[in-house]
PDB file of N, CA and C in Angstrom:
ATOM      1  N   MET A   1       0.255  65.276  29.831  1.00  0.00           N
ATOM      2  CA  MET A   1       0.078  63.869  30.657  1.00  0.00           C
ATOM      3  C   MET A   1      -1.447  63.373  30.819  1.00  0.00           C
ATOM      4  N   THR A   2      -1.352  62.071  30.161  1.00  0.00           N
ATOM      5  CA  THR A   2      -3.021  61.719  29.980  1.00  0.00           C
ATOM      6  C   THR A   2      -3.374  61.006  31.365  1.00  0.00           C
ATOM      7  N   ASP A   3      -4.760  61.236  31.503  1.00  0.00           N
ATOM      8  CA  ASP A   3      -5.478  60.886  33.092  1.00  0.00           C
ATOM      9  C   ASP A   3      -6.203  59.411  32.558  1.00  0.00           C
ATOM     10  N   GLU A   4      -6.548  58.779  33.359  1.00  0.00           N
ATOM     11  CA  GLU A   4      -7.022  57.586  33.007  1.00  0.00           C
ATOM     12  C   GLU A   4      -8.147  58.069  32.581  1.00  0.00           C
ATOM     13  N   GLY A   5      -9.229  58.829  32.961  1.00  0.00           N
ATOM     14  CA  GLY A   5     -10.447  59.356  31.954  1.00  0.00           C
ATOM     15  C   GLY A   5     -10.118  59.275  30.859  1.00  0.00           C
ATOM     16  N   GLU A   6      -9.170  59.917  30.153  1.00  0.00           N
ATOM     17  CA  GLU A   6      -8.846  60.223  29.056  1.00  0.00           C
ATOM     18  C   GLU A   6      -8.589  58.940  28.266  1.00  0.00           C
ATOM     19  N   ILE A   7      -7.846  57.918  28.704  1.00  0.00           N
ATOM     20  CA  ILE A   7      -7.657  56.710  28.416  1.00  0.00           C
ATOM     21  C   ILE A   7      -8.640  56.018  27.950  1.00  0.00           C
ATOM     22  N   ARG A   8      -9.864  55.887  29.080  1.00  0.00           N
ATOM     23  CA  ARG A   8     -11.004  55.202  28.738  1.00  0.00           C
ATOM     24  C   ARG A   8     -11.693  55.863  27.672  1.00  0.00           C
ATOM     25  N   ILE A   9     -11.752  57.163  27.690  1.00  0.00           N
ATOM     26  CA  ILE A   9     -12.143  57.586  26.140  1.00  0.00           C
ATOM     27  C   ILE A   9     -11.588  57.234  25.083  1.00  0.00           C
ATOM     28  N   PHE A  10     -10.511  56.955  25.192  1.00  0.00           N
ATOM     29  CA  PHE A  10      -9.764  56.488  23.702  1.00  0.00           C
ATOM     30  C   PHE A  10     -10.116  55.139  23.607  1.00  0.00           C
ATOM     31  N   ASP A  11     -10.518  54.376  24.685  1.00  0.00           N
ATOM     32  CA  ASP A  11     -11.025  52.938  24.827  1.00  0.00           C
ATOM     33  C   ASP A  11     -12.083  52.861  23.985  1.00  0.00           C
ATOM     34  N   ALA A  12     -13.098  53.710  24.460  1.00  0.00           N
ATOM     35  CA  ALA A  12     -14.538  53.937  23.786  1.00  0.00           C
ATOM     36  C   ALA A  12     -14.414  54.111  22.544  1.00  0.00           C
ATOM     37  N   LEU A  13     -13.280  55.110  21.974  1.00  0.00           N
ATOM     38  CA  LEU A  13     -13.390  55.316  20.963  1.00  0.00           C
ATOM     39  C   LEU A  13     -12.786  54.469  19.486  1.00  0.00           C
ATOM     40  N   ASN A  14     -11.848  53.595  20.121  1.00  0.00           N
ATOM     41  CA  ASN A  14     -11.374  52.640  19.751  1.00  0.00           C
ATOM     42  C   ASN A  14     -12.124  51.683  19.383  1.00  0.00           C
ATOM     43  N   TRP A  15     -13.264  51.195  20.609  1.00  0.00           N
ATOM     44  CA  TRP A  15     -14.272  50.104  20.381  1.00  0.00           C
ATOM     45  C   TRP A  15     -15.049  50.384  19.469  1.00  0.00           C
ATOM     46  N   ILE A  16     -15.506  51.798  19.298  1.00  0.00           N
ATOM     47  CA  ILE A  16     -16.537  52.154  18.227  1.00  0.00           C
ATOM     48  C   ILE A  16     -15.771  52.078  16.725  1.00  0.00           C
ATOM     49  N   ARG A  17     -14.698  52.349  16.852  1.00  0.00           N
ATOM     50  CA  ARG A  17     -13.919  52.306  15.472  1.00  0.00           C
ATOM     51  C   ARG A  17     -13.858  50.557  15.165  1.00  0.00           C
ATOM     52  N   ASP A  18     -13.437  49.907  15.941  1.00  0.00           N
ATOM     53  CA  ASP A  18     -13.125  48.277  15.729  1.00  0.00           C
ATOM     54  C   ASP A  18     -14.591  47.537  15.640  1.00  0.00           C
ATOM     55  N   ASN A  19     -15.637  47.985  16.186  1.00  0.00           N
ATOM     56  CA  ASN A  19     -16.649  46.975  16.151  1.00  0.00           C
ATOM     57  C   ASN A  19     -17.811  47.971  14.916  1.00  0.00           C
ATOM     58  N   ALA A  20     -17.091  48.757  14.331  1.00  0.00           N
ATOM     59  CA  ALA A  20     -18.146  49.732  13.242  1.00  0.00           C
ATOM     60  C   ALA A  20     -18.435  48.414  12.236  1.00  0.00           C
ATOM     61  N   PRO A  21     -17.554  47.939  11.850  1.00  0.00           N
ATOM     62  CA  PRO A  21     -17.781  46.887  10.841  1.00  0.00           C
ATOM     63  C   PRO A  21     -18.887  45.795  11.136  1.00  0.00           C
ATOM     64  N   ALA A  22     -18.392  45.285  12.320  1.00  0.00           N
ATOM     65  CA  ALA A  22     -19.497  44.329  12.896  1.00  0.00           C
ATOM     66  C   ALA A  22     -21.067  44.709  13.072  1.00  0.00           C
ATOM     67  N   TYR A  23     -21.249  45.858  13.340  1.00  0.00           N
ATOM     68  CA  TYR A  23     -22.503  46.527  13.391  1.00  0.00           C
ATOM     69  C   TYR A  23     -22.949  46.650  12.167  1.00  0.00           C
ATOM     70  N   ALA A  24     -22.285  47.083  11.174  1.00  0.00           N
ATOM     71  CA  ALA A  24     -22.849  47.324   9.912  1.00  0.00           C
ATOM     72  C   ALA A  24     -23.133  45.930   8.937  1.00  0.00           C
ATOM     73  N   LYS A  25     -22.262  44.648   9.427  1.00  0.00           N
ATOM     74  CA  LYS A  25     -22.733  43.495   9.154  1.00  0.00           C
ATOM     75  C   LYS A  25     -23.832  43.058   9.513  1.00  0.00           C
ATOM     76  N   ALA A  26     -23.997  43.272  10.933  1.00  0.00           N
ATOM     77  CA  ALA A  26     -25.190  42.711  11.510  1.00  0.00           C
ATOM     78  C   ALA A  26     -26.379  43.613  11.094  1.00  0.00           C
ATOM     79  N   LYS A  27     -26.384  44.608  10.955  1.00  0.00           N
ATOM     80  CA  LYS A  27     -27.476  45.452  10.258  1.00  0.00           C
ATOM     81  C   LYS A  27     -27.532  44.770   8.834  1.00  0.00           C
ATOM     82  N   ALA A  28     -26.664  44.636   8.076  1.00  0.00           N
ATOM     83  CA  ALA A  28     -26.908  44.346   6.752  1.00  0.00           C
ATOM     84  C   ALA A  28     -27.502  42.712   6.771  1.00  0.00           C
ATOM     85  N   ASP A  29     -27.195  42.196   7.776  1.00  0.00           N
ATOM     86  CA  ASP A  29     -27.643  40.718   7.767  1.00  0.00           C
ATOM     87  C   ASP A  29     -29.198  40.632   8.130  1.00  0.00           C
ATOM     88  N   ARG A  30     -29.800  41.559   9.144  1.00  0.00           N
ATOM     89  CA  ARG A  30     -31.085  41.924   9.432  1.00  0.00           C
ATOM     90  C   ARG A  30     -31.718  42.116   8.336  1.00  0.00           C
ATOM     91  N   ILE A  31     -31.260  43.099   7.652  1.00  0.00           N
ATOM     92  CA  ILE A  31     -32.245  43.655   6.423  1.00  0.00           C
ATOM     93  C   ILE A  31     -32.215  42.620   5.377  1.00  0.00           C
ATOM     94  N   TYR A  32     -31.116  41.904   4.922  1.00  0.00           N
ATOM     95  CA  TYR A  32     -31.285  41.078   4.031  1.00  0.00           C
ATOM     96  C   TYR A  32     -32.054  39.841   4.478  1.00  0.00           C
ATOM     97  N   LEU A  33     -32.206  39.490   5.839  1.00  0.00           N
ATOM     98  CA  LEU A  33     -33.049  38.324   6.047  1.00  0.00           C
ATOM     99  C   LEU A  33     -34.867  38.661   6.177  1.00  0.00           C
ATOM    100  N   GLU A  34     -34.978  40.316   6.619  1.00  0.00           N
ATOM    101  CA  GLU A  34     -36.067  40.826   6.351  1.00  0.00           C
ATOM    102  C   GLU A  34     -36.676  40.924   4.737  1.00  0.00           C
ATOM    103  N   GLU A  35     -36.099  41.338   4.126  1.00  0.00           N
ATOM    104  CA  GLU A  35     -36.287  40.968   2.581  1.00  0.00           C
ATOM    105  C   GLU A  35     -36.438  39.770   2.008  1.00  0.00           C
ATOM    106  N   PHE A  36     -35.435  38.668   2.521  1.00  0.00           N
ATOM    107  CA  PHE A  36     -35.815  37.396   1.693  1.00  0.00           C
ATOM    108  C   PHE A  36     -36.849  36.709   2.554  1.00  0.00           C
ATOM    109  N   ARG A  37     -37.438  37.215   3.459  1.00  0.00           N
ATOM    110  CA  ARG A  37     -38.647  36.475   4.265  1.00  0.00           C
ATOM    111  C   ARG A  37     -39.566  36.498   3.077  1.00  0.00           C
ATOM    112  N   LYS A  38     -39.608  37.550   2.082  1.00  0.00           N
ATOM    113  CA  LYS A  38     -40.814  38.142   1.250  1.00  0.00           C
ATOM    114  C   LYS A  38     -40.421  36.792   0.190  1.00  0.00           C
ATOM    115  N   SER A  39     -39.307  36.697  -0.284  1.00  0.00           N
ATOM    116  CA  SER A  39     -38.935  35.298  -1.183  1.00  0.00           C
ATOM    117  C   SER A  39     -39.357  34.217  -0.918  1.00  0.00           C
ATOM    118  N   LYS A  40     -38.785  33.914   0.622  1.00  0.00           N
ATOM    119  CA  LYS A  40     -39.043  32.657   1.061  1.00  0.00           C
ATOM    120  C   LYS A  40     -40.650  32.336   1.111  1.00  0.00           C
ATOM    121  N   LYS A  41     -41.368  33.309   1.319  1.00  0.00           N
ATOM    122  CA  LYS A  41     -43.147  33.330   1.544  1.00  0.00           C
ATOM    123  C   LYS A  41     -43.688  32.757   0.203  1.00  0.00           C
ATOM    124  N   ALA A  42     -42.897  33.322  -0.883  1.00  0.00           N
ATOM    125  CA  ALA A  42     -43.399  33.358  -2.165  1.00  0.00           C
ATOM    126  C   ALA A  42     -42.970  31.959  -2.696  1.00  0.00           C
ATOM    127  N   LEU A  43     -41.751  31.292  -2.428  1.00  0.00           N
ATOM    128  CA  LEU A  43     -41.473  30.090  -2.789  1.00  0.00           C
ATOM    129  C   LEU A  43     -42.363  29.073  -2.350  1.00  0.00           C
ATOM    130  N   LEU A  44     -42.632  29.223  -1.080  1.00  0.00           N
ATOM    131  CA  LEU A  44     -43.442  28.420  -0.052  1.00  0.00           C
ATOM    132  C   LEU A  44     -44.669  28.459  -0.632  1.00  0.00           C
ATOM    133  N   MET A  45     -45.100  29.517  -0.899  1.00  0.00           N
ATOM    134  CA  MET A  45     -46.928  29.659  -1.429  1.00  0.00           C
ATOM    135  C   MET A  45     -46.647  28.775  -2.821  1.00  0.00           C
ATOM    136  N   ARG A  46     -45.828  28.868  -3.721  1.00  0.00           N
ATOM    137  CA  ARG A  46     -45.582  28.146  -4.874  1.00  0.00           C
ATOM    138  C   ARG A  46     -45.866  26.661  -4.679  1.00  0.00           C
ATOM    139  N   LYS A  47     -44.715  26.383  -3.776  1.00  0.00           N
ATOM    140  CA  LYS A  47     -44.916  24.795  -3.479  1.00  0.00           C
ATOM    141  C   LYS A  47     -46.142  24.303  -2.908  1.00  0.00           C
ATOM    142  N   ALA A  48     -46.813  25.434  -2.192  1.00  0.00           N
ATOM    143  CA  ALA A  48     -48.183  24.730  -1.628  1.00  0.00           C
ATOM    144  C   ALA A  48     -49.147  24.843  -2.793  1.00  0.00           C
ATOM    145  N   GLU A  49     -48.905  25.714  -3.768  1.00  0.00           N
ATOM    146  CA  GLU A  49     -49.807  25.477  -4.805  1.00  0.00           C
ATOM    147  C   GLU A  49     -49.775  24.381  -5.803  1.00  0.00           C
ATOM    148  N   SER A  50     -48.305  23.880  -5.730  1.00  0.00           N
ATOM    149  CA  SER A  50     -48.056  22.674  -6.497  1.00  0.00           C
ATOM    150  C   SER A  50     -48.606  21.239  -5.732  1.00  0.00           C
ATOM    151  N   ALA A  51     -48.696  21.601  -4.476  1.00  0.00           N
ATOM    152  CA  ALA A  51     -49.333  20.339  -3.637  1.00  0.00           C
ATOM    153  C   ALA A  51     -50.843  20.472  -3.646  1.00  0.00           C
ATOM    154  N   GLY A  52     -51.406  21.307  -4.561  1.00  0.00           N
ATOM    155  CA  GLY A  52     -52.888  21.210  -4.581  1.00  0.00           C
ATOM    156  C   GLY A  52     -53.784  22.316  -3.838  1.00  0.00           C
ATOM    157  N   HIS A  53     -52.820  23.086  -2.890  1.00  0.00           N
ATOM    158  CA  HIS A  53     -53.465  24.590  -2.392  1.00  0.00           C
ATOM    159  C   HIS A  53     -53.720  25.578  -3.352  1.00  0.00           C
ATOM    160  N   LYS A  54     -54.882  25.718  -4.047  1.00  0.00           N
ATOM    161  CA  LYS A  54     -55.076  26.572  -4.934  1.00  0.00           C
ATOM    162  C   LYS A  54     -55.415  27.985  -4.524  1.00  0.00           C
ATOM    163  N   ALA A  55     -56.077  28.109  -3.384  1.00  0.00           N
ATOM    164  CA  ALA A  55     -56.486  29.304  -2.690  1.00  0.00           C
ATOM    165  C   ALA A  55     -55.208  30.130  -2.290  1.00  0.00           C
ATOM    166  N   ALA A  56     -55.228  31.455  -2.373  1.00  0.00           N
ATOM    167  CA  ALA A  56     -53.799  32.262  -1.833  1.00  0.00           C
ATOM    168  C   ALA A  56     -53.888  32.036  -0.287  1.00  0.00           C
ATOM    169  N   VAL A  57     -55.320  32.152   0.176  1.00  0.00           N
ATOM    170  CA  VAL A  57     -55.059  32.286   1.713  1.00  0.00           C
ATOM    171  C   VAL A  57     -54.444  30.832   2.292  1.00  0.00           C
ATOM    172  N   ALA A  58     -54.858  29.720   1.566  1.00  0.00           N
ATOM    173  CA  ALA A  58     -54.306  28.367   2.042  1.00  0.00           C
ATOM    174  C   ALA A  58     -52.957  28.076   1.620  1.00  0.00           C
ATOM    175  N   GLN A  59     -52.293  28.942   0.525  1.00  0.00           N
ATOM    176  CA  GLN A  59     -51.053  28.865   0.253  1.00  0.00           C
ATOM    177  C   GLN A  59     -50.251  29.586   1.185  1.00  0.00           C
ATOM    178  N   GLU A  60     -50.921  30.527   1.617  1.00  0.00           N
ATOM    179  CA  GLU A  60     -50.018  31.672   2.404  1.00  0.00           C
ATOM    180  C   GLU A  60     -50.117  30.775   3.854  1.00  0.00           C
ATOM    181  N   ARG A  61     -51.074  30.042   4.323  1.00  0.00           N
ATOM    182  CA  ARG A  61     -51.057  29.252   5.698  1.00  0.00           C
ATOM    183  C   ARG A  61     -50.270  28.188   5.690  1.00  0.00           C
ATOM    184  N   GLU A  62     -50.008  27.720   4.508  1.00  0.00           N
ATOM    185  CA  GLU A  62     -48.785  26.488   4.312  1.00  0.00           C
ATOM    186  C   GLU A  62     -47.544  27.106   4.378  1.00  0.00           C
ATOM    187  N   ALA A  63     -47.079  28.185   3.529  1.00  0.00           N
ATOM    188  CA  ALA A  63     -45.851  28.816   3.646  1.00  0.00           C
ATOM    189  C   ALA A  63     -45.794  29.286   5.124  1.00  0.00           C
ATOM    190  N   TYR A  64     -46.581  29.966   5.925  1.00  0.00           N
ATOM    191  CA  TYR A  64     -46.136  30.290   7.377  1.00  0.00           C
ATOM    192  C   TYR A  64     -46.156  29.336   8.237  1.00  0.00           C
ATOM    193  N   ALA A  65     -46.644  28.008   7.824  1.00  0.00           N
ATOM    194  CA  ALA A  65     -46.473  26.813   8.748  1.00  0.00           C
ATOM    195  C   ALA A  65     -45.279  25.981   8.521  1.00  0.00           C
ATOM    196  N   ASP A  66     -44.740  26.329   7.239  1.00  0.00           N
ATOM    197  CA  ASP A  66     -43.508  25.469   6.815  1.00  0.00           C
ATOM    198  C   ASP A  66     -42.471  25.520   7.747  1.00  0.00           C
ATOM    199  N   GLU A  67     -41.784  24.524   8.050  1.00  0.00           N
ATOM    200  CA  GLU A  67     -40.493  24.419   8.864  1.00  0.00           C
ATOM    201  C   GLU A  67     -39.312  25.364   8.381  1.00  0.00           C
ATOM    202  N   ASP A  68     -39.296  25.376   7.302  1.00  0.00           N
ATOM    203  CA  ASP A  68     -38.038  26.629   6.409  1.00  0.00           C
ATOM    204  C   ASP A  68     -38.447  27.846   6.671  1.00  0.00           C
ATOM    205  N   TYR A  69     -39.741  28.140   6.935  1.00  0.00           N
ATOM    206  CA  TYR A  69     -40.110  29.540   7.187  1.00  0.00           C
ATOM    207  C   TYR A  69     -39.852  29.528   8.584  1.00  0.00           C
ATOM    208  N   GLN A  70     -40.403  28.780   9.433  1.00  0.00           N
ATOM    209  CA  GLN A  70     -39.982  29.055  10.868  1.00  0.00           C
ATOM    210  C   GLN A  70     -38.576  29.199  11.204  1.00  0.00           C
ATOM    211  N   GLN A  71     -37.686  28.065  10.636  1.00  0.00           N
ATOM    212  CA  GLN A  71     -35.968  28.467  10.900  1.00  0.00           C
ATOM    213  C   GLN A  71     -35.901  29.929  10.245  1.00  0.00           C
ATOM    214  N   HIS A  72     -36.269  30.518   9.104  1.00  0.00           N
ATOM    215  CA  HIS A  72     -36.044  31.561   8.684  1.00  0.00           C
ATOM    216  C   HIS A  72     -36.420  32.882   9.964  1.00  0.00           C
ATOM    217  N   LEU A  73     -37.310  32.743  10.383  1.00  0.00           N
ATOM    218  CA  LEU A  73     -37.741  33.584  11.573  1.00  0.00           C
ATOM    219  C   LEU A  73     -36.752  33.483  12.633  1.00  0.00           C
ATOM    220  N   VAL A  74     -36.387  32.266  12.882  1.00  0.00           N
ATOM    221  CA  VAL A  74     -35.364  32.175  13.909  1.00  0.00           C
ATOM    222  C   VAL A  74     -34.043  32.881  13.844  1.00  0.00           C
ATOM    223  N   ALA A  75     -33.755  32.813  12.573  1.00  0.00           N
ATOM    224  CA  ALA A  75     -32.411  33.297  12.014  1.00  0.00           C
ATOM    225  C   ALA A  75     -32.700  34.804  11.913  1.00  0.00           C
ATOM    226  N   LEU A  76     -33.669  35.104  11.658  1.00  0.00           N
ATOM    227  CA  LEU A  76     -34.166  36.813  11.612  1.00  0.00           C
ATOM    228  C   LEU A  76     -34.133  37.071  12.991  1.00  0.00           C
ATOM    229  N   SER A  77     -34.656  36.342  14.101  1.00  0.00           N
ATOM    230  CA  SER A  77     -34.790  36.857  15.237  1.00  0.00           C
ATOM    231  C   SER A  77     -33.107  37.246  15.756  1.00  0.00           C
ATOM    232  N   ALA A  78     -32.221  36.271  15.562  1.00  0.00           N
ATOM    233  CA  ALA A  78     -30.867  36.100  15.958  1.00  0.00           C
ATOM    234  C   ALA A  78     -29.860  37.218  15.402  1.00  0.00           C
ATOM    235  N   ALA A  79     -30.344  37.629  13.925  1.00  0.00           N
ATOM    236  CA  ALA A  79     -29.818  38.915  13.499  1.00  0.00           C
ATOM    237  C   ALA A  79     -30.257  40.172  14.016  1.00  0.00           C
ATOM    238  N   VAL A  80     -31.558  40.288  14.396  1.00  0.00           N
ATOM    239  CA  VAL A  80     -31.928  41.470  15.132  1.00  0.00           C
ATOM    240  C   VAL A  80     -31.404  41.518  16.334  1.00  0.00           C
ATOM    241  N   GLU A  81     -31.141  40.576  17.137  1.00  0.00           N
ATOM    242  CA  GLU A  81     -30.717  40.455  18.648  1.00  0.00           C
ATOM    243  C   GLU A  81     -29.256  40.889  18.434  1.00  0.00           C
ATOM    244  N   GLU A  82     -28.499  40.563  17.464  1.00  0.00           N
ATOM    245  CA  GLU A  82     -27.184  40.841  17.108  1.00  0.00           C
ATOM    246  C   GLU A  82     -27.017  42.561  16.948  1.00  0.00           C
ATOM    247  N   GLU A  83     -27.879  42.645  16.107  1.00  0.00           N
ATOM    248  CA  GLU A  83     -27.729  44.378  15.764  1.00  0.00           C
ATOM    249  C   GLU A  83     -27.948  45.261  16.686  1.00  0.00           C
ATOM    250  N   GLU A  84     -29.337  44.751  17.473  1.00  0.00           N
ATOM    251  CA  GLU A  84     -29.542  45.522  18.679  1.00  0.00           C
ATOM    252  C   GLU A  84     -28.284  45.515  19.716  1.00  0.00           C
ATOM    253  N   ARG A  85     -27.701  44.447  20.128  1.00  0.00           N
ATOM    254  CA  ARG A  85     -26.641  44.172  21.043  1.00  0.00           C
ATOM    255  C   ARG A  85     -25.597  45.207  20.681  1.00  0.00           C
ATOM    256  N   LEU A  86     -25.245  45.096  19.432  1.00  0.00           N
ATOM    257  CA  LEU A  86     -23.891  46.022  19.082  1.00  0.00           C
ATOM    258  C   LEU A  86     -24.478  47.647  18.864  1.00  0.00           C
ATOM    259  N   ARG A  87     -25.857  47.937  18.368  1.00  0.00           N
ATOM    260  CA  ARG A  87     -26.312  49.033  18.641  1.00  0.00           C
ATOM    261  C   ARG A  87     -26.094  49.757  20.110  1.00  0.00           C
ATOM    262  N   TRP A  88     -26.534  49.013  20.930  1.00  0.00           N
ATOM    263  CA  TRP A  88     -26.600  49.393  22.393  1.00  0.00           C
ATOM    264  C   TRP A  88     -25.187  49.422  22.916  1.00  0.00           C
ATOM    265  N   LEU A  89     -24.565  48.953  22.426  1.00  0.00           N
ATOM    266  CA  LEU A  89     -22.973  49.131  22.926  1.00  0.00           C
ATOM    267  C   LEU A  89     -22.585  50.533  22.349  1.00  0.00           C
ATOM    268  N   MET A  90     -22.669  50.502  21.144  1.00  0.00           N
ATOM    269  CA  MET A  90     -22.085  51.748  20.630  1.00  0.00           C
ATOM    270  C   MET A  90     -22.840  53.018  21.220  1.00  0.00           C
ATOM    271  N   VAL A  91     -24.054  52.910  21.527  1.00  0.00           N
ATOM    272  CA  VAL A  91     -24.544  54.042  22.218  1.00  0.00           C
ATOM    273  C   VAL A  91     -24.049  54.370  23.525  1.00  0.00           C
ATOM    274  N   ALA A  92     -23.834  53.202  24.345  1.00  0.00           N
ATOM    275  CA  ALA A  92     -23.167  53.334  25.587  1.00  0.00           C
ATOM    276  C   ALA A  92     -21.881  53.722  25.489  1.00  0.00           C
ATOM    277  N   ALA A  93     -20.925  53.802  24.557  1.00  0.00           N
ATOM    278  CA  ALA A  93     -19.488  54.108  24.188  1.00  0.00           C
ATOM    279  C   ALA A  93     -19.826  55.648  23.855  1.00  0.00           C
ATOM    280  N   GLN A  94     -20.791  55.916  22.967  1.00  0.00           N
ATOM    281  CA  GLN A  94     -20.909  57.456  22.628  1.00  0.00           C
ATOM    282  C   GLN A  94     -21.450  58.039  23.799  1.00  0.00           C
ATOM    283  N   ALA A  95     -22.229  57.574  24.876  1.00  0.00           N
ATOM    284  CA  ALA A  95     -22.729  58.332  25.917  1.00  0.00           C
ATOM    285  C   ALA A  95     -21.588  58.638  26.866  1.00  0.00           C
ATOM    286  N   ARG A  96     -20.434  57.509  26.878  1.00  0.00           N
ATOM    287  CA  ARG A  96     -19.271  57.633  27.752  1.00  0.00           C
ATOM    288  C   ARG A  96     -18.522  58.983  27.297  1.00  0.00           C
ATOM    289  N   ILE A  97     -18.294  59.042  25.922  1.00  0.00           N
ATOM    290  CA  ILE A  97     -17.580  60.130  25.403  1.00  0.00           C
ATOM    291  C   ILE A  97     -18.155  61.399  25.577  1.00  0.00           C
ATOM    292  N   GLU A  98     -19.566  61.492  25.459  1.00  0.00           N
ATOM    293  CA  GLU A  98     -20.133  62.879  25.636  1.00  0.00           C
ATOM    294  C   GLU A  98     -20.214  63.227  27.106  1.00  0.00           C
ATOM    295  N   ALA A  99     -20.271  62.047  27.985  1.00  0.00           N
ATOM    296  CA  ALA A  99     -20.361  62.632  29.335  1.00  0.00           C
ATOM    297  C   ALA A  99     -18.777  63.192  29.666  1.00  0.00           C
ATOM    298  N   TRP A 100     -17.884  62.216  29.148  1.00  0.00           N
ATOM    299  CA  TRP A 100     -16.273  62.781  29.225  1.00  0.00           C
ATOM    300  C   TRP A 100     -16.030  64.431  28.844  1.00  0.00           C
ATOM    301  N   ARG A 101     -16.751  64.587  27.471  1.00  0.00           N
ATOM    302  CA  ARG A 101     -16.553  65.883  27.065  1.00  0.00           C
ATOM    303  C   ARG A 101     -17.514  67.014  28.143  1.00  0.00           C
ATOM    304  N   SER A 102     -18.604  66.551  28.348  1.00  0.00           N
ATOM    305  CA  SER A 102     -19.240  67.582  29.549  1.00  0.00           C
ATOM    306  C   SER A 102     -18.485  67.715  30.515  1.00  0.00           C
ATOM    307  N   LEU A 103     -17.776  66.700  31.191  1.00  0.00           N
ATOM    308  CA  LEU A 103     -16.937  66.726  32.511  1.00  0.00           C
ATOM    309  C   LEU A 103     -15.586  67.711  32.214  1.00  0.00           C
ATOM    310  N   GLU A 104     -15.074  67.594  31.114  1.00  0.00           N
ATOM    311  CA  GLU A 104     -13.864  68.149  30.637  1.00  0.00           C
ATOM    312  C   GLU A 104     -14.210  69.868  30.340  1.00  0.00           C
ATOM    313  N   SER A 105     -15.480  69.954  29.696  1.00  0.00           N
ATOM    314  CA  SER A 105     -15.790  71.400  29.542  1.00  0.00           C
ATOM    315  C   SER A 105     -16.240  71.892  30.837  1.00  0.00           C
ATOM    316  N   SER A 106     -16.654  71.355  31.974  1.00  0.00           N
ATOM    317  CA  SER A 106     -17.026  72.006  33.000  1.00  0.00           C
ATOM    318  C   SER A 106     -15.636  72.200  34.113  1.00  0.00           C
ATOM    319  N   ARG A 107     -14.622  71.300  33.849  1.00  0.00           N
ATOM    320  CA  ARG A 107     -13.540  71.296  34.146  1.00  0.00           C
ATOM    321  C   ARG A 107     -12.680  72.493  34.019  1.00  0.00           C
ATOM    322  N   ARG A 108     -12.740  72.824  32.581  1.00  0.00           N
ATOM    323  CA  ARG A 108     -12.086  73.995  31.960  1.00  0.00           C
ATOM    324  C   ARG A 108     -12.419  75.505  32.489  1.00  0.00           C
ATOM    325  N   VAL A 109     -14.086  75.347  32.507  1.00  0.00           N
ATOM    326  CA  VAL A 109     -14.595  76.665  32.934  1.00  0.00           C
ATOM    327  C   VAL A 109     -14.229  76.752  34.631  1.00  0.00           C
ATOM    328  N   GLU A 110     -14.101  75.683  35.101  1.00  0.00           N
ATOM    329  CA  GLU A 110     -14.021  75.765  36.752  1.00  0.00           C
ATOM    330  C   GLU A 110     -12.401  76.298  37.039  1.00  0.00           C
ATOM    331  N   ALA A 111     -11.473  75.613  35.862  1.00  0.00           N
ATOM    332  CA  ALA A 111     -10.143  76.093  35.823  1.00  0.00           C
ATOM    333  C   ALA A 111      -9.948  77.868  35.935  1.00  0.00           C
ATOM    334  N   LYS A 112     -10.909  78.033  34.702  1.00  0.00           N
ATOM    335  CA  LYS A 112     -10.721  79.890  34.555  1.00  0.00           C
ATOM    336  C   LYS A 112     -11.296  80.442  35.587  1.00  0.00           C
ATOM    337  N   THR A 113     -11.936  80.055  36.463  1.00  0.00           N
ATOM    338  CA  THR A 113     -12.894  81.021  37.479  1.00  0.00           C
ATOM    339  C   THR A 113     -11.847  80.815  38.937  1.00  0.00           C
ATOM    340  N   LEU A 114     -11.054  79.961  38.800  1.00  0.00           N
ATOM    341  CA  LEU A 114      -9.897  79.968  40.102  1.00  0.00           C
ATOM    342  C   LEU A 114      -9.017  80.990  39.957  1.00  0.00           C
TER     343      LEU A 114
END
């Protein structure tokens, strides 16, 4: 017979299984946005150079100040937030499983001593 604790553990296991793809996607999105930030900066520096900013420092300043770059940072922030949200939910589900395992082990030891 399955008790309520075991049902909740299966719920945690199912949650991890069901949400693993979303976590993987969130992590992939974050990594992509981090890497694309470099390309975005290079493209914006080229744009600044075409606009007459010859010094690399000036190009970089213009790239960082560009609205497209600012929007990219907002998207990166959202991606990191989603990845972290899912990661901590995974950690919580794993902790719930580990706590259950510990309680079950203690229960088995206690049952043997009776």
